[in-house]
């Protein structure tokens, strides 16, 4: 019988994130660069692409809201925001992202569907994504596996 997993402590999560935060910063910049390039190649004019890496405080706040067994279970340590000029470009960019990354459909959310017709707000699609195995084979991406 396999022993039950033990819940991750805040101290261990903090230590792990401090040791790995630089990798997430590098990953954020690389994904931003990939997205700029593939969106440009598709001839889509966008307003902005911005990457960010979760701060330790934000990471720990997320950690406290749910039971985790390993720090890598916490999603969105690296985040990218793409702002378009035209709403119609969202579907094109969504298709591009899905063709270049592995999408965790279960944990991704299209917030456009919950906005409702009586509210004015920005349209957003939140993907939880991974690099493809093909990209992870490249030397410059292997450390992100």
Protein backbone atom coordinates (compact mmCIF):
# COMPACT_ATOMS: atom_id res chain seq x y z
CA UNK A 1 0.00 0.00 0.00
CA UNK A 2 1.27 3.46 -0.92
CA UNK A 3 1.55 5.82 2.05
CA UNK A 4 -0.70 8.89 1.82
CA UNK A 5 0.87 12.05 0.48
CA UNK A 6 1.63 14.63 3.09
CA UNK A 7 0.47 18.19 2.66
CA UNK A 8 3.14 20.64 1.61
CA UNK A 9 4.20 23.10 4.30
CA UNK A 10 4.45 26.82 3.68
CA UNK A 11 8.15 26.75 4.59
CA UNK A 12 8.95 24.04 2.02
CA UNK A 13 6.85 25.78 -0.64
CA UNK A 14 8.67 29.06 0.05
CA UNK A 15 12.08 27.41 -0.15
CA UNK A 16 11.18 25.62 -3.39
CA UNK A 17 9.88 28.81 -5.01
CA UNK A 18 12.95 30.81 -4.00
CA UNK A 19 15.10 28.13 -5.63
CA UNK A 20 13.00 28.05 -8.82
CA UNK A 21 11.79 31.63 -9.30
CA UNK A 22 14.65 32.54 -11.66
CA UNK A 23 13.68 29.64 -13.94
CA UNK A 24 10.11 30.95 -14.01
CA UNK A 25 11.40 34.44 -14.87
CA UNK A 26 13.42 33.00 -17.76
CA UNK A 27 10.45 30.91 -18.87
CA UNK A 28 8.17 33.96 -18.83
CA UNK A 29 10.55 35.89 -21.08
CA UNK A 30 10.98 32.95 -23.48
CA UNK A 31 7.23 32.38 -23.80
CA UNK A 32 6.68 36.10 -24.37
CA UNK A 33 9.26 36.00 -27.15
CA UNK A 34 7.72 32.88 -28.73
CA UNK A 35 4.25 34.42 -28.68
CA UNK A 36 5.40 37.73 -30.16
CA UNK A 37 7.12 35.86 -32.97
CA UNK A 38 4.30 33.47 -33.87
CA UNK A 39 1.64 36.18 -33.64
CA UNK A 40 3.73 38.42 -35.87
CA UNK A 41 4.21 35.56 -38.36
CA UNK A 42 0.41 35.21 -38.49
CA UNK A 43 0.14 38.90 -39.44
CA UNK A 44 -1.97 39.74 -36.40
CA UNK A 45 -1.43 43.26 -35.09
CA UNK A 46 -1.59 43.33 -31.31
CA UNK A 47 -1.35 46.12 -28.80
CA UNK A 48 0.84 44.42 -26.24
CA UNK A 49 2.40 41.20 -24.96
CA UNK A 50 3.54 41.25 -21.37
CA UNK A 51 5.08 38.53 -19.24
CA UNK A 52 5.26 38.31 -15.48
CA UNK A 53 6.45 35.88 -12.86
CA UNK A 54 4.52 35.39 -9.66
CA UNK A 55 6.08 37.03 -6.64
CA UNK A 56 6.82 34.88 -3.62
CA UNK A 57 3.94 36.52 -1.71
CA UNK A 58 1.48 35.83 -4.54
CA UNK A 59 2.75 32.25 -4.78
CA UNK A 60 2.27 31.71 -1.05
CA UNK A 61 -1.19 33.32 -1.11
CA UNK A 62 -2.25 30.86 -3.79
CA UNK A 63 -0.65 28.04 -1.79
CA UNK A 64 -2.77 28.93 1.24
CA UNK A 65 -6.04 28.73 -0.69
CA UNK A 66 -5.81 25.05 -1.58
CA UNK A 67 -4.15 21.85 -0.41
CA UNK A 68 -1.00 21.08 -2.42
CA UNK A 69 1.41 18.17 -2.16
CA UNK A 70 4.17 19.63 -4.34
CA UNK A 71 4.90 23.26 -5.21
CA UNK A 72 4.85 22.49 -8.93
CA UNK A 73 1.09 21.83 -8.62
CA UNK A 74 0.58 25.59 -8.25
CA UNK A 75 -0.23 26.90 -11.70
CA UNK A 76 0.48 30.23 -13.39
CA UNK A 77 3.88 30.96 -11.84
CA UNK A 78 4.70 32.38 -15.26
CA UNK A 79 1.99 34.40 -16.94
CA UNK A 80 1.64 36.11 -20.28
CA UNK A 81 -0.95 38.74 -21.17
CA UNK A 82 -1.74 39.51 -24.79
CA UNK A 83 -3.85 42.57 -25.53
CA UNK A 84 -5.42 42.86 -28.96
CA UNK A 85 -6.97 45.79 -30.75
CA UNK A 86 -9.76 43.76 -32.32
CA UNK A 87 -11.97 41.24 -30.54
CA UNK A 88 -11.96 39.04 -33.65
CA UNK A 89 -8.24 38.45 -33.19
CA UNK A 90 -8.88 36.57 -29.93
CA UNK A 91 -10.02 33.45 -31.78
CA UNK A 92 -6.96 33.60 -34.06
CA UNK A 93 -4.58 33.95 -31.12
CA UNK A 94 -6.43 31.23 -29.21
CA UNK A 95 -5.88 28.88 -32.17
CA UNK A 96 -2.19 29.82 -32.37
CA UNK A 97 -1.67 29.18 -28.66
CA UNK A 98 -3.43 25.82 -28.85
CA UNK A 99 -1.24 24.78 -31.79
CA UNK A 100 2.06 25.71 -30.09
CA UNK A 101 1.44 24.65 -26.49
CA UNK A 102 -0.20 21.82 -24.56
CA UNK A 103 -3.33 23.27 -22.97
CA UNK A 104 -4.74 22.02 -19.68
CA UNK A 105 -8.37 22.42 -20.72
CA UNK A 106 -9.67 21.40 -17.30
CA UNK A 107 -7.95 24.33 -15.56
CA UNK A 108 -8.17 26.88 -18.38
CA UNK A 109 -11.13 29.24 -18.56
CA UNK A 110 -12.74 31.40 -21.21
CA UNK A 111 -13.94 34.32 -19.10
CA UNK A 112 -15.89 35.70 -22.05
CA UNK A 113 -18.53 33.03 -21.39
CA UNK A 114 -19.10 34.17 -17.80
CA UNK A 115 -19.10 37.89 -18.53
CA UNK A 116 -22.74 38.13 -19.63
CA UNK A 117 -24.28 40.54 -22.08
CA UNK A 118 -25.16 43.15 -19.46
CA UNK A 119 -21.54 43.83 -18.40
CA UNK A 120 -18.75 45.79 -20.01
CA UNK A 121 -15.29 44.45 -19.28
CA UNK A 122 -12.33 43.20 -21.17
CA UNK A 123 -12.60 39.86 -22.93
CA UNK A 124 -10.17 37.27 -21.61
CA UNK A 125 -9.19 33.67 -22.07
CA UNK A 126 -6.95 32.14 -19.40
CA UNK A 127 -4.88 29.17 -20.51
CA UNK A 128 -2.93 26.86 -18.27
CA UNK A 129 -0.32 25.60 -20.71
CA UNK A 130 2.90 23.63 -21.05
CA UNK A 131 5.67 23.62 -23.58
CA UNK A 132 5.39 20.82 -26.13
CA UNK A 133 7.69 17.77 -25.88
CA UNK A 134 9.28 18.85 -29.19
CA UNK A 135 10.23 22.24 -27.81
CA UNK A 136 11.44 20.74 -24.52
CA UNK A 137 13.94 18.66 -26.51
CA UNK A 138 15.67 21.85 -27.64
CA UNK A 139 18.71 22.65 -25.43
CA UNK A 140 17.50 26.14 -24.54
CA UNK A 141 14.20 24.76 -23.19
CA UNK A 142 15.29 21.52 -21.48
CA UNK A 143 15.58 23.15 -18.06
CA UNK A 144 11.86 23.99 -18.19
CA UNK A 145 10.73 20.38 -18.41
